[in-house]
């Protein structure tokens, strides 16, 4: 029997079978992905094979996925979702503030697996004039690099309706730091979802986890209609809600590949004197010159350097 994983609670996986059944399934203790040590070998969005007893025995080849380094286990990964059409990265300028390093790490990981990303700046209703100006600068930076940006307030509804055309007919991963308002945004977009929300911690201005597992949510009310080939009828689209994350450790990236995951750095790297330039110290480096001349943002270059450093570290650094 084959099906689609629509929920991962950490212990159980809810699978929508090709015949339209919803089954709670488990994986064998020795189940491992080929070549990847993962804390969650099966992810929401996976197509799987189920044996008698509701055991998941096989995963079909993925066309893409978003992966990050596990927080506690440095040599293992955590897959946020698989087989997605795009990702919405929800970021906030305040309460809490999303760091550019976090944004850039997510974007680089998405580039590695060819997942388009739209940056959604939430909580615009809370911004002071100074913070609003800073947000405009952030939007300008990432639009110049080549990423679509939207500004919304999930709390008031401002700008939310303009997101709907982006989601129609697509499987969209929602991700972001804890407390950026993913659940509130989902409730605006999908009122029948009834996602739990929580206030920001006043002491630390950080988010408190309200989503504790990953789940695929249909944009339409009619749950999960199924095609004859077993895939969900994707006329409206689906959102994949994921728990908020504090840090984004990059996983399984080689130093020589990293340049190509930063769009603007890759473009300038074509002009470097040496083909194996690391863009850190080499003479004739066009990237260093572009940073000096402000054609590449200092924040983006620092994110690139921090990811280069990942290969030299033995453990995950949480404070990104």
Protein backbone atom coordinates (compact mmCIF):
# COMPACT_ATOMS: atom_id res chain seq x y z
CA UNK A 1 0.00 0.00 0.00
CA UNK A 2 1.26 3.48 -0.87
CA UNK A 3 0.42 6.90 0.53
CA UNK A 4 1.41 10.45 1.39
CA UNK A 5 2.72 11.51 4.81
CA UNK A 6 0.59 14.45 5.98
CA UNK A 7 1.57 14.64 9.66
CA UNK A 8 4.65 13.81 11.73
CA UNK A 9 4.22 13.87 15.51
CA UNK A 10 7.68 12.46 16.22
CA UNK A 11 6.24 9.09 17.27
CA UNK A 12 3.56 8.53 14.65
CA UNK A 13 3.17 9.43 11.00
CA UNK A 14 -0.30 10.05 9.61
CA UNK A 15 -0.44 8.72 6.06
CA UNK A 16 -3.13 9.44 3.48
CA UNK A 17 -3.28 6.22 1.47
CA UNK A 18 -3.95 6.08 -2.25
CA UNK A 19 -7.40 4.72 -1.45
CA UNK A 20 -8.22 7.76 0.70
CA UNK A 21 -7.71 6.23 4.17
CA UNK A 22 -5.93 8.06 6.99
CA UNK A 23 -3.60 5.67 8.85
CA UNK A 24 -1.35 6.23 11.85
CA UNK A 25 1.92 4.53 10.98
CA UNK A 26 5.34 3.90 12.50
CA UNK A 27 8.79 3.19 11.14
CA UNK A 28 11.07 0.33 12.10
CA UNK A 29 13.76 1.19 14.63
CA UNK A 30 16.52 0.49 12.11
CA UNK A 31 14.91 2.51 9.30
CA UNK A 32 17.49 4.88 7.79
CA UNK A 33 17.68 7.01 4.68
CA UNK A 34 20.47 6.05 2.34
CA UNK A 35 23.47 8.26 3.05
CA UNK A 36 21.64 10.60 5.46
CA UNK A 37 21.61 10.29 9.22
CA UNK A 38 18.40 11.98 10.23
CA UNK A 39 16.43 12.48 13.42
CA UNK A 40 13.28 12.06 11.32
CA UNK A 41 13.90 9.65 8.43
CA UNK A 42 10.31 10.16 7.24
CA UNK A 43 9.05 13.71 6.63
CA UNK A 44 5.76 15.38 5.80
CA UNK A 45 5.40 15.36 2.02
CA UNK A 46 7.05 11.97 1.58
CA UNK A 47 5.46 9.31 -0.59
CA UNK A 48 5.81 6.01 1.28
CA UNK A 49 5.08 2.29 1.13
CA UNK A 50 3.18 0.75 4.05
CA UNK A 51 3.27 -2.91 5.04
CA UNK A 52 0.88 -4.98 7.17
CA UNK A 53 0.63 -3.58 10.67
CA UNK A 54 0.93 0.00 9.39
CA UNK A 55 4.73 -0.03 9.19
CA UNK A 56 6.41 2.39 6.78
CA UNK A 57 8.94 0.29 4.88
CA UNK A 58 10.04 2.48 1.97
CA UNK A 59 10.27 6.12 0.87
CA UNK A 60 9.98 7.08 -2.77
CA UNK A 61 12.72 9.28 -4.23
CA UNK A 62 12.26 12.91 -3.22
CA UNK A 63 12.35 15.69 -5.78
CA UNK A 64 13.56 18.11 -3.08
CA UNK A 65 13.51 18.80 0.64
CA UNK A 66 14.53 21.41 3.20
CA UNK A 67 17.06 20.10 5.69
CA UNK A 68 18.95 21.57 8.63
CA UNK A 69 21.44 20.35 11.20
CA UNK A 70 19.88 18.80 14.27
CA UNK A 71 20.17 21.03 17.35
CA UNK A 72 21.45 18.40 19.76
CA UNK A 73 23.05 15.88 17.43
CA UNK A 74 25.66 17.67 15.35
CA UNK A 75 26.22 14.88 12.84
CA UNK A 76 22.55 14.28 12.19
CA UNK A 77 20.00 16.28 10.25
CA UNK A 78 16.37 17.25 10.60
CA UNK A 79 14.23 17.33 7.46
CA UNK A 80 11.56 20.02 7.66
CA UNK A 81 9.51 18.81 4.68
CA UNK A 82 9.86 17.00 1.36
CA UNK A 83 8.51 17.41 -2.18
CA UNK A 84 7.48 21.05 -1.84
CA UNK A 85 6.82 23.60 -4.59
CA UNK A 86 8.03 26.58 -2.56
CA UNK A 87 8.69 27.89 0.93
CA UNK A 88 7.41 30.95 2.74
CA UNK A 89 10.00 32.07 5.28
CA UNK A 90 8.19 34.15 7.89
CA UNK A 91 10.48 36.81 9.40
CA UNK A 92 9.94 39.68 11.82
CA UNK A 93 11.79 42.90 12.51
CA UNK A 94 10.61 42.95 16.12
CA UNK A 95 9.11 40.65 18.76
CA UNK A 96 11.22 38.66 17.96
CA UNK A 97 13.83 40.02 15.55
CA UNK A 98 14.88 37.56 12.86
CA UNK A 99 18.61 37.74 12.20
CA UNK A 100 19.94 38.10 8.67
CA UNK A 101 22.19 35.12 9.36
CA UNK A 102 19.17 32.91 9.98
CA UNK A 103 17.49 34.19 6.81
CA UNK A 104 20.60 33.65 4.70
CA UNK A 105 21.18 30.14 6.02
CA UNK A 106 17.62 29.16 5.19
CA UNK A 107 17.86 30.72 1.72
CA UNK A 108 21.16 28.96 0.99
CA UNK A 109 19.72 25.60 2.05
CA UNK A 110 16.69 26.17 -0.16
CA UNK A 111 18.94 27.11 -3.09
CA UNK A 112 20.86 23.87 -2.60
CA UNK A 113 17.69 21.85 -3.21
CA UNK A 114 16.11 24.24 -5.73
CA UNK A 115 13.20 25.28 -3.52
CA UNK A 116 11.94 28.81 -4.37
CA UNK A 117 11.50 31.03 -1.31
CA UNK A 118 9.28 34.05 -0.67
CA UNK A 119 10.19 36.18 2.35
CA UNK A 120 7.13 37.27 4.32
CA UNK A 121 7.78 40.12 6.76
CA UNK A 122 5.12 39.77 9.46
CA UNK A 123 3.95 41.99 12.34
CA UNK A 124 4.04 45.22 10.34
CA UNK A 125 1.40 46.58 12.75
CA UNK A 126 3.99 46.61 15.57
CA UNK A 127 6.71 48.58 13.78
CA UNK A 128 7.93 51.99 14.85
CA UNK A 129 8.92 54.44 12.12
CA UNK A 130 12.57 53.46 12.60
CA UNK A 131 11.77 49.75 12.42
CA UNK A 132 9.61 50.28 9.35
CA UNK A 133 12.55 52.01 7.64
CA UNK A 134 14.81 49.09 8.58
CA UNK A 135 12.27 46.64 7.14
CA UNK A 136 12.22 48.60 3.88
CA UNK A 137 16.00 48.31 3.71
CA UNK A 138 15.76 44.56 4.32
CA UNK A 139 13.14 44.17 1.60
CA UNK A 140 15.29 46.19 -0.79
CA UNK A 141 18.32 44.01 0.00
CA UNK A 142 16.60 40.69 -0.65
CA UNK A 143 14.63 41.88 -3.66
CA UNK A 144 17.90 43.11 -5.18
CA UNK A 145 19.39 39.66 -4.61
CA UNK A 146 16.39 38.12 -6.38
CA UNK A 147 13.90 37.05 -3.71
CA UNK A 148 10.25 38.05 -3.67
CA UNK A 149 9.26 39.83 -0.45
CA UNK A 150 5.86 40.56 1.07
CA UNK A 151 4.93 42.62 4.15
CA UNK A 152 1.90 41.54 6.17
CA UNK A 153 0.25 41.66 9.55
CA UNK A 154 -1.28 38.31 10.38
CA UNK A 155 -2.83 39.95 13.45
CA UNK A 156 -4.79 42.61 11.56
CA UNK A 157 -5.00 40.84 8.21
CA UNK A 158 -3.10 43.55 6.33
CA UNK A 159 -1.51 42.11 3.17
CA UNK A 160 -2.57 38.54 3.92
CA UNK A 161 -5.08 38.23 1.05
CA UNK A 162 -2.32 39.19 -1.39
CA UNK A 163 -0.52 35.97 -0.44
CA UNK A 164 -3.31 33.71 -1.69
CA UNK A 165 -2.36 33.84 -5.40
CA UNK A 166 1.13 32.67 -4.43
CA UNK A 167 -0.29 29.59 -2.72
CA UNK A 168 -2.91 28.45 -5.22
CA UNK A 169 -2.24 24.94 -6.53
CA UNK A 170 1.07 24.60 -4.69
CA UNK A 171 2.50 22.70 -1.72
CA UNK A 172 4.07 25.43 0.41
CA UNK A 173 6.34 24.97 3.42
CA UNK A 174 5.95 27.62 6.15
CA UNK A 175 9.00 28.11 8.33
CA UNK A 176 10.59 30.68 10.60
CA UNK A 177 11.79 31.40 14.11
CA UNK A 178 9.56 30.62 17.06
CA UNK A 179 7.12 33.48 17.66
CA UNK A 180 7.09 35.06 14.20
CA UNK A 181 3.37 34.36 13.83
CA UNK A 182 3.15 31.33 11.56
CA UNK A 183 0.11 29.90 13.36
CA UNK A 184 -1.69 33.26 13.32
CA UNK A 185 -0.96 33.59 9.59
CA UNK A 186 -2.26 30.08 8.92
CA UNK A 187 -5.46 30.87 10.82
CA UNK A 188 -5.94 33.91 8.56
CA UNK A 189 -5.32 31.92 5.40
CA UNK A 190 -7.07 28.74 6.50
CA UNK A 191 -9.72 29.52 9.14
CA UNK A 192 -10.68 25.85 9.47
CA UNK A 193 -7.13 24.97 10.55
CA UNK A 194 -7.62 26.33 14.09
CA UNK A 195 -3.90 26.49 14.87
CA UNK A 196 -2.94 27.27 18.46
CA UNK A 197 -1.16 30.59 19.10
CA UNK A 198 0.77 31.97 22.06
CA UNK A 199 2.15 35.30 23.21
CA UNK A 200 5.81 36.27 22.96
CA UNK A 201 7.93 35.79 26.06
CA UNK A 202 8.29 39.28 27.54
CA UNK A 203 11.53 38.41 29.29
CA UNK A 204 13.43 37.36 26.19
CA UNK A 205 11.29 38.67 23.30
CA UNK A 206 11.37 35.19 21.83
CA UNK A 207 8.62 32.94 20.63
CA UNK A 208 7.07 30.09 22.52
CA UNK A 209 6.47 26.92 20.51
CA UNK A 210 2.78 26.42 19.69
CA UNK A 211 3.24 24.02 16.78
CA UNK A 212 4.82 20.84 18.11
CA UNK A 213 4.73 18.71 14.96
CA UNK A 214 4.78 19.11 11.18
CA UNK A 215 1.48 18.88 9.34
CA UNK A 216 0.14 19.36 5.82
CA UNK A 217 -2.96 21.59 5.85
CA UNK A 218 -5.29 21.82 2.81
CA UNK A 219 -6.20 25.36 1.82
CA UNK A 220 -9.68 24.13 0.90
CA UNK A 221 -12.11 22.84 3.50
CA UNK A 222 -12.69 19.53 1.70
CA UNK A 223 -9.78 17.80 3.43
CA UNK A 224 -7.72 15.57 1.14
CA UNK A 225 -9.44 14.50 -2.08
CA UNK A 226 -7.32 11.94 -3.91
CA UNK A 227 -6.43 11.44 -7.57
CA UNK A 228 -6.50 7.98 -9.14
CA UNK A 229 -2.69 7.97 -8.97
CA UNK A 230 -2.83 8.53 -5.22
CA UNK A 231 -1.69 12.14 -5.08
CA UNK A 232 -3.92 14.77 -3.45
CA UNK A 233 -6.05 16.82 -5.83
CA UNK A 234 -4.00 19.99 -5.75
CA UNK A 235 -6.47 22.51 -7.15
CA UNK A 236 -6.28 24.77 -4.11
CA UNK A 237 -2.92 24.00 -2.56
CA UNK A 238 -1.52 22.91 0.78
CA UNK A 239 0.46 24.51 3.57
CA UNK A 240 3.02 22.53 5.54
CA UNK A 241 3.18 23.95 9.04
CA UNK A 242 6.38 23.22 10.98
CA UNK A 243 7.51 23.91 14.56
CA UNK A 244 9.34 27.22 15.04
CA UNK A 245 13.12 26.95 15.03
CA UNK A 246 15.71 29.01 16.87
CA UNK A 247 18.76 28.28 14.75
CA UNK A 248 19.41 26.98 11.26
CA UNK A 249 22.54 24.87 11.07
CA UNK A 250 23.48 23.97 7.51
CA UNK A 251 23.93 20.31 6.72
CA UNK A 252 25.74 18.36 4.01
CA UNK A 253 27.17 21.39 2.17
CA UNK A 254 30.68 21.34 0.76
CA UNK A 255 32.80 24.48 0.96
CA UNK A 256 33.35 24.58 -2.80
CA UNK A 257 29.58 24.44 -3.44
CA UNK A 258 28.62 27.20 -1.02
CA UNK A 259 29.29 30.10 -3.39
CA UNK A 260 26.55 28.94 -5.76
CA UNK A 261 23.94 29.11 -2.97
CA UNK A 262 24.39 32.90 -2.62
CA UNK A 263 23.06 34.32 -5.89
CA UNK A 264 24.98 37.59 -5.93
CA UNK A 265 28.23 36.08 -4.67
CA UNK A 266 28.03 33.45 -7.39
CA UNK A 267 27.63 36.10 -10.10
CA UNK A 268 30.70 38.06 -8.96
CA UNK A 269 32.73 34.88 -8.40
CA UNK A 270 32.80 34.34 -12.17
CA UNK A 271 35.21 37.29 -12.38
CA UNK A 272 37.66 35.99 -9.73
CA UNK A 273 41.27 35.40 -10.83
CA UNK A 274 41.32 31.85 -9.45
CA UNK A 275 38.64 29.26 -10.18
CA UNK A 276 38.99 27.77 -6.68
CA UNK A 277 38.76 31.14 -4.94
CA UNK A 278 37.21 30.93 -1.45
CA UNK A 279 36.51 34.71 -1.46
CA UNK A 280 38.26 35.17 1.86
CA UNK A 281 41.79 36.40 1.12
CA UNK A 282 42.83 35.61 -2.45
CA UNK A 283 44.32 38.30 -4.73
CA UNK A 284 42.10 39.24 -7.65
CA UNK A 285 38.94 38.19 -5.81
CA UNK A 286 35.96 39.91 -7.45
CA UNK A 287 33.70 39.02 -4.50
CA UNK A 288 35.89 40.84 -1.95
CA UNK A 289 36.00 43.83 -4.29
CA UNK A 290 32.19 43.76 -4.63
CA UNK A 291 31.80 43.69 -0.84
CA UNK A 292 34.20 46.62 -0.53
CA UNK A 293 32.26 48.54 -3.20
CA UNK A 294 28.91 47.67 -1.54
CA UNK A 295 27.60 45.64 -4.46
CA UNK A 296 27.36 42.70 -2.04
CA UNK A 297 25.82 43.44 1.36
CA UNK A 298 28.16 43.01 4.32
CA UNK A 299 25.49 40.98 6.14
CA UNK A 300 25.21 38.50 3.27
CA UNK A 301 28.98 38.13 3.06
CA UNK A 302 29.20 37.54 6.83
CA UNK A 303 26.54 34.84 6.50
CA UNK A 304 28.62 33.22 3.76
CA UNK A 305 31.71 33.27 6.01
CA UNK A 306 29.77 31.79 8.94
CA UNK A 307 28.67 28.90 6.75
CA UNK A 308 32.25 28.34 5.61
CA UNK A 309 33.17 28.07 9.29
CA UNK A 310 30.55 25.35 9.81
CA UNK A 311 32.81 22.82 8.13
CA UNK A 312 35.51 23.50 10.71
CA UNK A 313 33.32 23.09 13.78
CA UNK A 314 32.53 19.95 15.72
CA UNK A 315 29.21 20.99 17.14
CA UNK A 316 26.14 23.00 16.29
CA UNK A 317 26.06 26.62 17.39
CA UNK A 318 22.56 27.54 18.49
CA UNK A 319 22.87 31.32 18.60
CA UNK A 320 22.42 32.26 14.97
